Full PDB file with SEQRES, HELIX, SHEET, SSBOND, CRYST1, ORIGX, SCALE, CONECT and MASTER records, all heavy atoms in Angstrom:
SEQRES   1 A   37  ASN ALA ALA VAL GLY ALA ASP GLY PHE ASN PHE GLY GLY          
SEQRES   2 A   37  TYR THR PHE SER ALA SER THR PRO VAL THR LEU ASN THR          
SEQRES   3 A   37  TYR ILE ALA LYS VAL ASP TYR ASN ILE ASN GLY                  
CRYST1    1.000    1.000    1.000  90.00  90.00  90.00 P 1           1          
ORIGX1      1.000000  0.000000  0.000000        0.00000                         
ORIGX2      0.000000  1.000000  0.000000        0.00000                         
ORIGX3      0.000000  0.000000  1.000000        0.00000                         
SCALE1      1.000000  0.000000  0.000000        0.00000                         
SCALE2      0.000000  1.000000  0.000000        0.00000                         
SCALE3      0.000000  0.000000  1.000000        0.00000                         
ATOM      1  N   ASN A   1       1.223  27.479  36.402  1.00  0.00           N  
ATOM      2  CA  ASN A   1       1.224  26.648  37.608  1.00  0.00           C  
ATOM      3  C   ASN A   1       0.551  25.314  37.376  1.00  0.00           C  
ATOM      4  O   ASN A   1       0.386  24.515  38.298  1.00  0.00           O  
ATOM      5  CB  ASN A   1       0.519  27.384  38.759  1.00  0.00           C  
ATOM      6  CG  ASN A   1       1.382  28.495  39.339  1.00  0.00           C  
ATOM      7  OD1 ASN A   1       2.606  28.393  39.375  1.00  0.00           O  
ATOM      8  ND2 ASN A   1       0.737  29.567  39.790  1.00  0.00           N  
ATOM      9  N   ALA A   2       0.115  25.071  36.118  1.00  0.00           N  
ATOM     10  CA  ALA A   2      -0.558  23.818  35.775  1.00  0.00           C  
ATOM     11  C   ALA A   2       0.485  22.742  35.496  1.00  0.00           C  
ATOM     12  O   ALA A   2       0.734  22.350  34.353  1.00  0.00           O  
ATOM     13  CB  ALA A   2      -1.464  24.024  34.561  1.00  0.00           C  
ATOM     14  N   ALA A   3       1.127  22.287  36.547  1.00  0.00           N  
ATOM     15  CA  ALA A   3       2.139  21.244  36.413  1.00  0.00           C  
ATOM     16  C   ALA A   3       2.125  20.394  37.668  1.00  0.00           C  
ATOM     17  O   ALA A   3       1.959  20.915  38.783  1.00  0.00           O  
ATOM     18  CB  ALA A   3       3.525  21.833  36.191  1.00  0.00           C  
ATOM     19  N   VAL A   4       2.271  19.095  37.499  1.00  0.00           N  
ATOM     20  CA  VAL A   4       2.340  18.184  38.634  1.00  0.00           C  
ATOM     21  C   VAL A   4       3.607  18.494  39.427  1.00  0.00           C  
ATOM     22  O   VAL A   4       4.716  18.450  38.895  1.00  0.00           O  
ATOM     23  CB  VAL A   4       2.340  16.724  38.166  1.00  0.00           C  
ATOM     24  CG1 VAL A   4       2.482  15.789  39.370  1.00  0.00           C  
ATOM     25  CG2 VAL A   4       1.082  16.411  37.381  1.00  0.00           C  
ATOM     26  N   GLY A   5       3.457  18.843  40.698  1.00  0.00           N  
ATOM     27  CA  GLY A   5       4.602  19.188  41.534  1.00  0.00           C  
ATOM     28  C   GLY A   5       4.793  20.684  41.689  1.00  0.00           C  
ATOM     29  O   GLY A   5       5.652  21.110  42.466  1.00  0.00           O  
ATOM     30  N   ALA A   6       4.022  21.499  40.969  1.00  0.00           N  
ATOM     31  CA  ALA A   6       4.120  22.952  41.096  1.00  0.00           C  
ATOM     32  C   ALA A   6       3.169  23.428  42.189  1.00  0.00           C  
ATOM     33  O   ALA A   6       1.959  23.237  42.091  1.00  0.00           O  
ATOM     34  CB  ALA A   6       3.788  23.626  39.766  1.00  0.00           C  
ATOM     35  N   ASP A   7       3.722  24.057  43.241  1.00  0.00           N  
ATOM     36  CA  ASP A   7       2.883  24.524  44.354  1.00  0.00           C  
ATOM     37  C   ASP A   7       2.571  26.003  44.259  1.00  0.00           C  
ATOM     38  O   ASP A   7       1.786  26.526  45.054  1.00  0.00           O  
ATOM     39  CB  ASP A   7       3.553  24.220  45.691  1.00  0.00           C  
ATOM     40  CG  ASP A   7       4.954  24.801  45.797  1.00  0.00           C  
ATOM     41  OD1 ASP A   7       5.322  25.629  44.934  1.00  0.00           O  
ATOM     42  OD2 ASP A   7       5.683  24.412  46.726  1.00  0.00           O  
ATOM     43  N   GLY A   8       3.177  26.723  43.329  1.00  0.00           N  
ATOM     44  CA  GLY A   8       2.932  28.147  43.190  1.00  0.00           C  
ATOM     45  C   GLY A   8       3.732  29.000  44.147  1.00  0.00           C  
ATOM     46  O   GLY A   8       3.750  30.232  44.019  1.00  0.00           O  
ATOM     47  N   PHE A   9       4.408  28.403  45.120  1.00  0.00           N  
ATOM     48  CA  PHE A   9       5.232  29.137  46.079  1.00  0.00           C  
ATOM     49  C   PHE A   9       6.713  29.031  45.715  1.00  0.00           C  
ATOM     50  O   PHE A   9       7.370  30.019  45.442  1.00  0.00           O  
ATOM     51  CB  PHE A   9       5.004  28.600  47.498  1.00  0.00           C  
ATOM     52  CG  PHE A   9       3.581  28.696  47.949  1.00  0.00           C  
ATOM     53  CD1 PHE A   9       2.993  27.658  48.635  1.00  0.00           C  
ATOM     54  CD2 PHE A   9       2.833  29.834  47.692  1.00  0.00           C  
ATOM     55  CE1 PHE A   9       1.673  27.742  49.052  1.00  0.00           C  
ATOM     56  CE2 PHE A   9       1.522  29.932  48.103  1.00  0.00           C  
ATOM     57  CZ  PHE A   9       0.938  28.885  48.793  1.00  0.00           C  
ATOM     58  N   ASN A  10       7.207  27.828  45.740  1.00  0.00           N  
ATOM     59  CA  ASN A  10       8.625  27.606  45.436  1.00  0.00           C  
ATOM     60  C   ASN A  10       8.852  27.005  44.048  1.00  0.00           C  
ATOM     61  O   ASN A  10       9.915  27.166  43.473  1.00  0.00           O  
ATOM     62  CB  ASN A  10       9.254  26.664  46.474  1.00  0.00           C  
ATOM     63  CG  ASN A  10       9.097  27.193  47.881  1.00  0.00           C  
ATOM     64  OD1 ASN A  10       9.479  28.318  48.176  1.00  0.00           O  
ATOM     65  ND2 ASN A  10       8.485  26.391  48.753  1.00  0.00           N  
ATOM     66  N   PHE A  11       7.832  26.315  43.553  1.00  0.00           N  
ATOM     67  CA  PHE A  11       7.971  25.660  42.251  1.00  0.00           C  
ATOM     68  C   PHE A  11       6.780  26.025  41.366  1.00  0.00           C  
ATOM     69  O   PHE A  11       5.622  25.977  41.808  1.00  0.00           O  
ATOM     70  CB  PHE A  11       8.045  24.137  42.408  1.00  0.00           C  
ATOM     71  CG  PHE A  11       9.234  23.677  43.202  1.00  0.00           C  
ATOM     72  CD1 PHE A  11       9.092  23.333  44.532  1.00  0.00           C  
ATOM     73  CD2 PHE A  11      10.499  23.621  42.629  1.00  0.00           C  
ATOM     74  CE1 PHE A  11      10.184  22.934  45.281  1.00  0.00           C  
ATOM     75  CE2 PHE A  11      11.590  23.219  43.367  1.00  0.00           C  
ATOM     76  CZ  PHE A  11      11.443  22.876  44.699  1.00  0.00           C  
ATOM     77  N   GLY A  12       7.081  26.369  40.147  1.00  0.00           N  
ATOM     78  CA  GLY A  12       6.061  26.668  39.154  1.00  0.00           C  
ATOM     79  C   GLY A  12       6.214  25.730  37.969  1.00  0.00           C  
ATOM     80  O   GLY A  12       7.023  24.794  37.978  1.00  0.00           O  
ATOM     81  N   GLY A  13       5.432  25.963  36.952  1.00  0.00           N  
ATOM     82  CA  GLY A  13       5.487  25.130  35.762  1.00  0.00           C  
ATOM     83  C   GLY A  13       6.000  25.903  34.558  1.00  0.00           C  
ATOM     84  O   GLY A  13       5.852  27.133  34.483  1.00  0.00           O  
ATOM     85  N   TYR A  14       6.592  25.192  33.639  1.00  0.00           N  
ATOM     86  CA  TYR A  14       7.029  25.799  32.378  1.00  0.00           C  
ATOM     87  C   TYR A  14       6.553  24.898  31.245  1.00  0.00           C  
ATOM     88  O   TYR A  14       6.962  23.732  31.151  1.00  0.00           O  
ATOM     89  CB  TYR A  14       8.552  25.941  32.336  1.00  0.00           C  
ATOM     90  CG  TYR A  14       9.053  26.530  31.039  1.00  0.00           C  
ATOM     91  CD1 TYR A  14       8.912  27.891  30.773  1.00  0.00           C  
ATOM     92  CD2 TYR A  14       9.643  25.722  30.071  1.00  0.00           C  
ATOM     93  CE1 TYR A  14       9.356  28.439  29.581  1.00  0.00           C  
ATOM     94  CE2 TYR A  14      10.097  26.262  28.879  1.00  0.00           C  
ATOM     95  CZ  TYR A  14       9.946  27.621  28.636  1.00  0.00           C  
ATOM     96  OH  TYR A  14      10.384  28.154  27.445  1.00  0.00           O  
ATOM     97  N   THR A  15       5.651  25.397  30.421  1.00  0.00           N  
ATOM     98  CA  THR A  15       5.107  24.615  29.323  1.00  0.00           C  
ATOM     99  C   THR A  15       5.650  25.148  28.007  1.00  0.00           C  
ATOM    100  O   THR A  15       5.795  26.358  27.823  1.00  0.00           O  
ATOM    101  CB  THR A  15       3.565  24.641  29.339  1.00  0.00           C  
ATOM    102  OG1 THR A  15       3.071  23.824  28.274  1.00  0.00           O  
ATOM    103  CG2 THR A  15       3.023  26.045  29.174  1.00  0.00           C  
ATOM    104  N   PHE A  16       5.944  24.233  27.094  1.00  0.00           N  
ATOM    105  CA  PHE A  16       6.516  24.622  25.817  1.00  0.00           C  
ATOM    106  C   PHE A  16       6.217  23.543  24.788  1.00  0.00           C  
ATOM    107  O   PHE A  16       5.860  22.401  25.125  1.00  0.00           O  
ATOM    108  CB  PHE A  16       8.028  24.840  25.926  1.00  0.00           C  
ATOM    109  CG  PHE A  16       8.808  23.604  26.276  1.00  0.00           C  
ATOM    110  CD1 PHE A  16       9.508  22.902  25.308  1.00  0.00           C  
ATOM    111  CD2 PHE A  16       8.831  23.115  27.580  1.00  0.00           C  
ATOM    112  CE1 PHE A  16      10.216  21.755  25.619  1.00  0.00           C  
ATOM    113  CE2 PHE A  16       9.547  21.974  27.901  1.00  0.00           C  
ATOM    114  CZ  PHE A  16      10.233  21.291  26.924  1.00  0.00           C  
ATOM    115  N   SER A  17       6.356  23.896  23.535  1.00  0.00           N  
ATOM    116  CA  SER A  17       6.158  22.960  22.430  1.00  0.00           C  
ATOM    117  C   SER A  17       7.487  22.271  22.140  1.00  0.00           C  
ATOM    118  O   SER A  17       8.444  22.911  21.693  1.00  0.00           O  
ATOM    119  CB  SER A  17       5.650  23.709  21.192  1.00  0.00           C  
ATOM    120  OG  SER A  17       5.472  22.832  20.116  1.00  0.00           O  
ATOM    121  N   ALA A  18       7.542  20.979  22.403  1.00  0.00           N  
ATOM    122  CA  ALA A  18       8.798  20.230  22.307  1.00  0.00           C  
ATOM    123  C   ALA A  18       8.834  19.400  21.030  1.00  0.00           C  
ATOM    124  O   ALA A  18       7.863  18.735  20.680  1.00  0.00           O  
ATOM    125  CB  ALA A  18       8.965  19.320  23.522  1.00  0.00           C  
ATOM    126  N   SER A  19       9.943  19.412  20.349  1.00  0.00           N  
ATOM    127  CA  SER A  19      10.106  18.635  19.116  1.00  0.00           C  
ATOM    128  C   SER A  19      10.351  17.169  19.448  1.00  0.00           C  
ATOM    129  O   SER A  19      11.187  16.832  20.294  1.00  0.00           O  
ATOM    130  CB  SER A  19      11.286  19.186  18.310  1.00  0.00           C  
ATOM    131  OG  SER A  19      11.509  18.418  17.150  1.00  0.00           O  
ATOM    132  N   THR A  20       9.589  16.289  18.781  1.00  0.00           N  
ATOM    133  CA  THR A  20       9.737  14.834  18.980  1.00  0.00           C  
ATOM    134  C   THR A  20       9.836  14.146  17.614  1.00  0.00           C  
ATOM    135  O   THR A  20       8.888  13.507  17.159  1.00  0.00           O  
ATOM    136  CB  THR A  20       8.549  14.266  19.775  1.00  0.00           C  
ATOM    137  OG1 THR A  20       7.331  14.639  19.105  1.00  0.00           O  
ATOM    138  CG2 THR A  20       8.531  14.799  21.190  1.00  0.00           C  
ATOM    139  N   PRO A  21      10.964  14.267  16.934  1.00  0.00           N  
ATOM    140  CA  PRO A  21      11.093  13.675  15.590  1.00  0.00           C  
ATOM    141  C   PRO A  21      11.131  12.153  15.638  1.00  0.00           C  
ATOM    142  O   PRO A  21      11.671  11.559  16.568  1.00  0.00           O  
ATOM    143  CB  PRO A  21      12.421  14.253  15.088  1.00  0.00           C  
ATOM    144  CG  PRO A  21      13.201  14.545  16.332  1.00  0.00           C  
ATOM    145  CD  PRO A  21      12.191  14.953  17.363  1.00  0.00           C  
ATOM    146  N   VAL A  22      10.528  11.532  14.607  1.00  0.00           N  
ATOM    147  CA  VAL A  22      10.481  10.075  14.494  1.00  0.00           C  
ATOM    148  C   VAL A  22      10.783   9.689  13.048  1.00  0.00           C  
ATOM    149  O   VAL A  22      10.235  10.280  12.112  1.00  0.00           O  
ATOM    150  CB  VAL A  22       9.096   9.521  14.903  1.00  0.00           C  
ATOM    151  CG1 VAL A  22       9.041   8.013  14.658  1.00  0.00           C  
ATOM    152  CG2 VAL A  22       8.800   9.842  16.355  1.00  0.00           C  
ATOM    153  N   THR A  23      11.653   8.715  12.878  1.00  0.00           N  
ATOM    154  CA  THR A  23      11.932   8.149  11.556  1.00  0.00           C  
ATOM    155  C   THR A  23      11.725   6.645  11.619  1.00  0.00           C  
ATOM    156  O   THR A  23      12.359   5.964  12.440  1.00  0.00           O  
ATOM    157  CB  THR A  23      13.373   8.452  11.110  1.00  0.00           C  
ATOM    158  OG1 THR A  23      13.558   9.863  11.030  1.00  0.00           O  
ATOM    159  CG2 THR A  23      13.649   7.848   9.742  1.00  0.00           C  
ATOM    160  N   LEU A  24      10.818   6.129  10.787  1.00  0.00           N  
ATOM    161  CA  LEU A  24      10.497   4.706  10.756  1.00  0.00           C  
ATOM    162  C   LEU A  24      10.841   4.146   9.379  1.00  0.00           C  
ATOM    163  O   LEU A  24      10.298   4.593   8.370  1.00  0.00           O  
ATOM    164  CB  LEU A  24       9.010   4.469  11.054  1.00  0.00           C  
ATOM    165  CG  LEU A  24       8.452   5.088  12.339  1.00  0.00           C  
ATOM    166  CD1 LEU A  24       6.955   4.811  12.444  1.00  0.00           C  
ATOM    167  CD2 LEU A  24       9.177   4.568  13.564  1.00  0.00           C  
ATOM    168  N   ASN A  25      11.750   3.193   9.337  1.00  0.00           N  
ATOM    169  CA  ASN A  25      12.121   2.512   8.097  1.00  0.00           C  
ATOM    170  C   ASN A  25      11.657   1.061   8.166  1.00  0.00           C  
ATOM    171  O   ASN A  25      11.918   0.362   9.160  1.00  0.00           O  
ATOM    172  CB  ASN A  25      13.631   2.558   7.877  1.00  0.00           C  
ATOM    173  CG  ASN A  25      14.133   3.965   7.595  1.00  0.00           C  
ATOM    174  OD1 ASN A  25      13.772   4.571   6.597  1.00  0.00           O  
ATOM    175  ND2 ASN A  25      14.958   4.487   8.486  1.00  0.00           N  
ATOM    176  N   THR A  26      10.990   0.599   7.120  1.00  0.00           N  
ATOM    177  CA  THR A  26      10.469  -0.766   7.068  1.00  0.00           C  
ATOM    178  C   THR A  26      10.918  -1.422   5.772  1.00  0.00           C  
ATOM    179  O   THR A  26      10.747  -0.842   4.695  1.00  0.00           O  
ATOM    180  CB  THR A  26       8.938  -0.781   7.143  1.00  0.00           C  
ATOM    181  OG1 THR A  26       8.505  -0.044   8.285  1.00  0.00           O  
ATOM    182  CG2 THR A  26       8.413  -2.209   7.249  1.00  0.00           C  
ATOM    183  N   TYR A  27      11.486  -2.637   5.904  1.00  0.00           N  
ATOM    184  CA  TYR A  27      11.929  -3.404   4.737  1.00  0.00           C  
ATOM    185  C   TYR A  27      11.301  -4.793   4.819  1.00  0.00           C  
ATOM    186  O   TYR A  27      11.412  -5.483   5.837  1.00  0.00           O  
ATOM    187  CB  TYR A  27      13.454  -3.539   4.707  1.00  0.00           C  
ATOM    188  CG  TYR A  27      14.187  -2.228   4.841  1.00  0.00           C  
ATOM    189  CD1 TYR A  27      14.532  -1.733   6.102  1.00  0.00           C  
ATOM    190  CD2 TYR A  27      14.529  -1.470   3.722  1.00  0.00           C  
ATOM    191  CE1 TYR A  27      15.203  -0.524   6.240  1.00  0.00           C  
ATOM    192  CE2 TYR A  27      15.205  -0.266   3.848  1.00  0.00           C  
ATOM    193  CZ  TYR A  27      15.538   0.198   5.109  1.00  0.00           C  
ATOM    194  OH  TYR A  27      16.204   1.391   5.239  1.00  0.00           O  
ATOM    195  N   ILE A  28      10.622  -5.203   3.745  1.00  0.00           N  
ATOM    196  CA  ILE A  28       9.942  -6.497   3.707  1.00  0.00           C  
ATOM    197  C   ILE A  28      10.285  -7.194   2.391  1.00  0.00           C  
ATOM    198  O   ILE A  28      10.229  -6.567   1.320  1.00  0.00           O  
ATOM    199  CB  ILE A  28       8.414  -6.325   3.828  1.00  0.00           C  
ATOM    200  CG1 ILE A  28       8.057  -5.641   5.157  1.00  0.00           C  
ATOM    201  CG2 ILE A  28       7.694  -7.667   3.720  1.00  0.00           C  
ATOM    202  CD1 ILE A  28       6.589  -5.277   5.271  1.00  0.00           C  
ATOM    203  N   ALA A  29      10.636  -8.463   2.464  1.00  0.00           N  
ATOM    204  CA  ALA A  29      10.929  -9.250   1.261  1.00  0.00           C  
ATOM    205  C   ALA A  29      10.348 -10.646   1.441  1.00  0.00           C  
ATOM    206  O   ALA A  29      10.394 -11.216   2.533  1.00  0.00           O  
ATOM    207  CB  ALA A  29      12.431  -9.338   1.022  1.00  0.00           C  
ATOM    208  N   LYS A  30       9.793 -11.195   0.364  1.00  0.00           N  
ATOM    209  CA  LYS A  30       9.164 -12.505   0.413  1.00  0.00           C  
ATOM    210  C   LYS A  30       9.462 -13.268  -0.871  1.00  0.00           C  
ATOM    211  O   LYS A  30       9.433 -12.711  -1.968  1.00  0.00           O  
ATOM    212  CB  LYS A  30       7.651 -12.376   0.605  1.00  0.00           C  
ATOM    213  CG  LYS A  30       6.916 -13.700   0.770  1.00  0.00           C  
ATOM    214  CD  LYS A  30       5.424 -13.486   0.912  1.00  0.00           C  
ATOM    215  CE  LYS A  30       4.678 -14.805   1.086  1.00  0.00           C  
ATOM    216  NZ  LYS A  30       3.206 -14.606   1.112  1.00  0.00           N  
ATOM    217  N   VAL A  31       9.741 -14.571  -0.737  1.00  0.00           N  
ATOM    218  CA  VAL A  31       9.990 -15.469  -1.863  1.00  0.00           C  
ATOM    219  C   VAL A  31       9.039 -16.649  -1.743  1.00  0.00           C  
ATOM    220  O   VAL A  31       8.924 -17.257  -0.670  1.00  0.00           O  
ATOM    221  CB  VAL A  31      11.455 -15.954  -1.890  1.00  0.00           C  
ATOM    222  CG1 VAL A  31      11.653 -16.966  -3.011  1.00  0.00           C  
ATOM    223  CG2 VAL A  31      12.398 -14.782  -2.065  1.00  0.00           C  
ATOM    224  N   ASP A  32       8.325 -16.977  -2.846  1.00  0.00           N  
ATOM    225  CA  ASP A  32       7.390 -18.107  -2.885  1.00  0.00           C  
ATOM    226  C   ASP A  32       7.865 -19.108  -3.931  1.00  0.00           C  
ATOM    227  O   ASP A  32       8.349 -18.726  -5.011  1.00  0.00           O  
ATOM    228  CB  ASP A  32       5.984 -17.629  -3.245  1.00  0.00           C  
ATOM    229  CG  ASP A  32       5.381 -16.742  -2.184  1.00  0.00           C  
ATOM    230  OD1 ASP A  32       5.639 -15.520  -2.216  1.00  0.00           O  
ATOM    231  OD2 ASP A  32       4.653 -17.248  -1.326  1.00  0.00           O  
ATOM    232  N   TYR A  33       7.675 -20.406  -3.618  1.00  0.00           N  
ATOM    233  CA  TYR A  33       8.058 -21.460  -4.564  1.00  0.00           C  
ATOM    234  C   TYR A  33       6.965 -22.520  -4.604  1.00  0.00           C  
ATOM    235  O   TYR A  33       6.573 -23.073  -3.570  1.00  0.00           O  
ATOM    236  CB  TYR A  33       9.384 -22.098  -4.136  1.00  0.00           C  
ATOM    237  CG  TYR A  33       9.850 -23.188  -5.067  1.00  0.00           C  
ATOM    238  CD1 TYR A  33      10.138 -22.922  -6.410  1.00  0.00           C  
ATOM    239  CD2 TYR A  33      10.004 -24.502  -4.613  1.00  0.00           C  
ATOM    240  CE1 TYR A  33      10.569 -23.913  -7.262  1.00  0.00           C  
ATOM    241  CE2 TYR A  33      10.436 -25.502  -5.462  1.00  0.00           C  
ATOM    242  CZ  TYR A  33      10.717 -25.206  -6.793  1.00  0.00           C  
ATOM    243  OH  TYR A  33      11.135 -26.204  -7.644  1.00  0.00           O  
ATOM    244  N   ASN A  34       6.454 -22.774  -5.804  1.00  0.00           N  
ATOM    245  CA  ASN A  34       5.458 -23.820  -6.011  1.00  0.00           C  
ATOM    246  C   ASN A  34       6.185 -25.119  -6.353  1.00  0.00           C  
ATOM    247  O   ASN A  34       6.729 -25.265  -7.445  1.00  0.00           O  
ATOM    248  CB  ASN A  34       4.512 -23.449  -7.159  1.00  0.00           C  
ATOM    249  CG  ASN A  34       3.622 -22.258  -6.803  1.00  0.00           C  
ATOM    250  OD1 ASN A  34       3.314 -22.037  -5.640  1.00  0.00           O  
ATOM    251  ND2 ASN A  34       3.238 -21.492  -7.805  1.00  0.00           N  
ATOM    252  N   ILE A  35       6.178 -26.074  -5.414  1.00  0.00           N  
ATOM    253  CA  ILE A  35       6.800 -27.367  -5.687  1.00  0.00           C  
ATOM    254  C   ILE A  35       5.902 -28.165  -6.620  1.00  0.00           C  
ATOM    255  O   ILE A  35       6.332 -28.645  -7.668  1.00  0.00           O  
ATOM    256  CB  ILE A  35       7.042 -28.127  -4.368  1.00  0.00           C  
ATOM    257  CG1 ILE A  35       7.947 -27.291  -3.440  1.00  0.00           C  
ATOM    258  CG2 ILE A  35       7.661 -29.492  -4.641  1.00  0.00           C  
ATOM    259  CD1 ILE A  35       8.132 -27.900  -2.076  1.00  0.00           C  
ATOM    260  N   ASN A  36       4.643 -28.304  -6.246  1.00  0.00           N  
ATOM    261  CA  ASN A  36       3.619 -28.890  -7.114  1.00  0.00           C  
ATOM    262  C   ASN A  36       2.261 -28.499  -6.555  1.00  0.00           C  
ATOM    263  O   ASN A  36       2.172 -27.608  -5.697  1.00  0.00           O  
ATOM    264  CB  ASN A  36       3.781 -30.421  -7.218  1.00  0.00           C  
ATOM    265  CG  ASN A  36       3.771 -31.087  -5.846  1.00  0.00           C  
ATOM    266  OD1 ASN A  36       2.971 -30.739  -4.990  1.00  0.00           O  
ATOM    267  ND2 ASN A  36       4.675 -32.035  -5.641  1.00  0.00           N  
ATOM    268  N   GLY A  37       1.207 -29.152  -7.035  1.00  0.00           N  
ATOM    269  CA  GLY A  37      -0.130 -28.755  -6.635  1.00  0.00           C  
ATOM    270  C   GLY A  37      -0.401 -28.858  -5.154  1.00  0.00           C  
ATOM    271  O   GLY A  37      -1.249 -28.136  -4.630  1.00  0.00           O  
TER     272      GLY A  37                                                      
MASTER        0    0    0    0    0    0    0    6  271    1    0    3          
END                                                                             
């Protein structure tokens, strides 16, 4: 019954371990050129 909106009479709570997969891809490239001093 530990759920926001659960009154214990008509509505209850259901708790479970939910999968939340995340994939993060990062690509970085840099070019430097020395013209002169």
